[in-house]
Amino acid sequence: MRVMLAEDSTLLREGLVRLLAEEGHEVVAAVGNAEALLAAVAQDPPDVVVADVRMPPTHTDEGLRAALEIRKSRPAVGVLVLSQYVEKRYATELLTGDSEGVGYLLKDRVVQVDEFLDALERVAAGRAAFDPEVVRQLLGRTTHTDPLARLTARERAVLAEMAQGHTNAAIAQRLHISLSGVEKHINAIFDKLELTGGEGYSRRVLAVLRYLGS
C-alpha cells in the first residue's frame, strides 16, 4: 500500500519508514508536522496516513486536526493516528465521526510489529483498528446509571473486541465461541444500548463509540 507518515520524532519516523519498506509498502512521504502532511496529501493522496496526535508547533492536537481534515476532504484515505497516552477527548472526536477507515493506536503498540501492520492494513481497507487499551478506558467510563451496566461479562468482552475493529468471525475465534453466539451477543448489546447499527461492523463500532462519547 502507499503510506504517508507524519511524526515529529525523527527516530520513530525513520524506523517506521524502514519497517514499512521492508514489508513491501511504499512510503510516499514522511514529514514532521501537520502542515507538511496536509500539503503532501493534497498533492498525492495515499492509501493511508499514519499521524501522531501531537506535533509542532504547539504539540497539542495538530496531528488530530490534520487527520480530521483529511477524513473530511478525502474520505477514501485511511487514517491511523498514534498517541503516547490514551487521550479520551481526542479518541472520541476522531472515532465518533461518520467515517470508515479510521484507527487509533498507542505508540507502544507500534513496537508490536504484527499488531501495528494488521491495524494499518485494516484501516487502509476501510475498516477500523482501535487500540485495546483505548477501548478499555472508553468502556470504563461507566457508572451505576449507565446502560452499559446492563451488559453481561461476555457481552462486554464481545463489545470490546468489536470496538477494536475485529470481524464477527475473528471475535468468535479470539473468544472461543461460535459465530452464531457472537451474533447473538451483538444483537443483545445493541438492544440493551438502544443503538441502531448500520451496515458493516465498522459503523456499528462507531455507533458504540458515539454513544460512549455522549
Foldseek 3Di string as FASTA:
>chain_A
DEEEEEAQPPVVQVVVCVLCVVVVYHDPYYYHFLVVVLVVCVVPNTLEYEYEQAGPDVRDGRRLVSQVVCCVPPLNYAYEYEYQDQDLVSCLVVLLDPGFLYEYYYPVCVVVPVLVVVQNVQSSVRFYAYYLVNLVVLLVPDDPPQLVVVADPVLVLLLSCLLRGDDLVVSCVVVVHDSVVSVVSVVVVCVSNVFDADPDSRSVSSRVSNSSVD
